[in-house]
Structures are given as structure tokens and as C-alpha cells.
């Protein structure tokens, strides 16, 4: 089943917008509390947004997208670090 590239671009843009909105909420919480936990989450969601939009913006085929997902891995690592630091403190 083939997906229309314009629909895929629209969906990727909407998902990226959702990630950026979440990052904006976390940066607001960071400004109020000065807790690094929220800063880590902000960085993770920015990485997720970049990871979602880069393949569409650069017209990268689905077969060649494997290295791009290292950004998603980095985002998850940031979340794990944030939770671990919060629980160990």
C-alpha cells in the first residue's frame, strides 16, 4: 500500500508541531522551577521534532532513514537520564 507523499508530509508536520508544543510546555515549566528535569525533556522533544521533519524536508527514502533514528534514540536517552537523575537525587 503506497502512501501519498503530500499526506505523509502533512502528517509529519503535524507530529513535529506536537513535539514542538510539548517542548514549549516543558521550557515554560523549566523557567518556573529551574529544574533540569524539564530542560532534558525540552531537549528530547526538540530532537523528536527534528527527527520527524528531517526525512520529509530532505526527501530521504524510507530505506535510507535508519541513521536518522539515532536522533530519536538520543531523545530517549535524555529522558532516561532525566528520570534517573530525578530519582537518584
Protein backbone atom coordinates (compact mmCIF):
# COMPACT_ATOMS: atom_id res chain seq x y z
CA UNK A 1 0.00 0.00 0.00
CA UNK A 2 1.54 3.26 -1.13
CA UNK A 3 1.04 6.50 0.74
CA UNK A 4 0.65 9.85 -0.95
CA UNK A 5 3.82 11.91 -0.27
CA UNK A 6 1.81 15.05 0.37
CA UNK A 7 -0.26 13.31 3.03
CA UNK A 8 2.91 11.90 4.61
CA UNK A 9 4.43 15.39 4.67
CA UNK A 10 1.31 16.84 6.27
CA UNK A 11 1.20 14.16 8.96
CA UNK A 12 4.93 14.50 9.68
CA UNK A 13 4.48 18.26 10.02
CA UNK A 14 1.59 17.85 12.43
CA UNK A 15 3.55 15.38 14.56
CA UNK A 16 6.54 17.74 14.57
CA UNK A 17 4.26 20.58 15.65
CA UNK A 18 3.02 18.42 18.52
CA UNK A 19 6.58 17.71 19.63
CA UNK A 20 7.44 21.43 19.49
CA UNK A 21 4.30 22.27 21.51
CA UNK A 22 5.34 19.75 24.17
CA UNK A 23 8.85 21.23 24.21
CA UNK A 24 7.38 24.70 24.73
CA UNK A 25 5.39 23.48 27.73
CA UNK A 26 8.48 21.89 29.24
CA UNK A 27 10.57 25.04 28.71
CA UNK A 28 7.83 27.02 30.46
CA UNK A 29 7.95 24.61 33.40
CA UNK A 30 11.74 24.92 33.46
CA UNK A 31 11.53 28.71 33.63
CA UNK A 32 9.15 28.49 36.59
CA UNK A 33 11.01 25.83 38.58
CA UNK A 34 14.63 25.92 37.28
CA UNK A 35 14.59 22.11 37.47
CA UNK A 36 16.91 20.46 34.94
CA UNK A 37 14.40 17.63 34.58
CA UNK A 38 12.26 19.86 32.37
CA UNK A 39 15.27 21.05 30.40
CA UNK A 40 16.13 17.46 29.50
CA UNK A 41 12.57 16.84 28.38
CA UNK A 42 12.63 20.02 26.30
CA UNK A 43 15.79 18.88 24.52
CA UNK A 44 14.33 15.41 23.96
CA UNK A 45 11.16 16.73 22.36
CA UNK A 46 13.12 19.11 20.14
CA UNK A 47 15.17 16.12 18.98
CA UNK A 48 11.95 14.21 18.30
CA UNK A 49 10.62 17.11 16.22
CA UNK A 50 13.82 17.31 14.20
CA UNK A 51 13.83 13.55 13.74
CA UNK A 52 10.27 13.67 12.42
CA UNK A 53 10.80 16.54 9.99
CA UNK A 54 14.28 15.89 8.54
CA UNK A 55 13.33 12.90 6.33
CA UNK A 56 10.49 14.88 4.77
CA UNK A 57 12.44 18.10 4.37
CA UNK A 58 15.44 16.38 2.79
CA UNK A 59 13.35 13.91 0.74
CA UNK A 60 15.06 10.85 2.21
CA UNK A 61 13.62 7.50 1.13
CA UNK A 62 12.25 5.14 3.77
CA UNK A 63 15.05 2.66 3.06
CA UNK A 64 17.72 5.25 3.91
CA UNK A 65 16.20 6.62 7.13
CA UNK A 66 17.89 4.24 9.60
CA UNK A 67 20.69 6.64 10.67
CA UNK A 68 18.19 9.43 11.23
CA UNK A 69 16.55 7.46 14.02
CA UNK A 70 19.67 7.89 16.12
CA UNK A 71 18.15 11.28 16.98
CA UNK A 72 15.14 9.51 18.45
CA UNK A 73 17.47 7.26 20.42
CA UNK A 74 19.28 10.33 21.76
CA UNK A 75 15.93 11.78 22.85
CA UNK A 76 15.01 8.64 24.74
CA UNK A 77 18.44 8.59 26.38
CA UNK A 78 17.88 12.17 27.54
CA UNK A 79 14.55 11.18 29.08
CA UNK A 80 16.15 8.20 30.84
CA UNK A 81 18.93 10.44 32.18
CA UNK A 82 16.38 12.99 33.43
CA UNK A 83 14.30 10.38 35.24
CA UNK A 84 17.38 8.68 36.69
CA UNK A 85 18.82 11.96 38.00
CA UNK A 86 15.48 12.96 39.49
CA UNK A 87 15.07 9.63 41.29
CA UNK A 88 18.67 9.38 42.49
CA UNK A 89 18.75 12.92 43.91
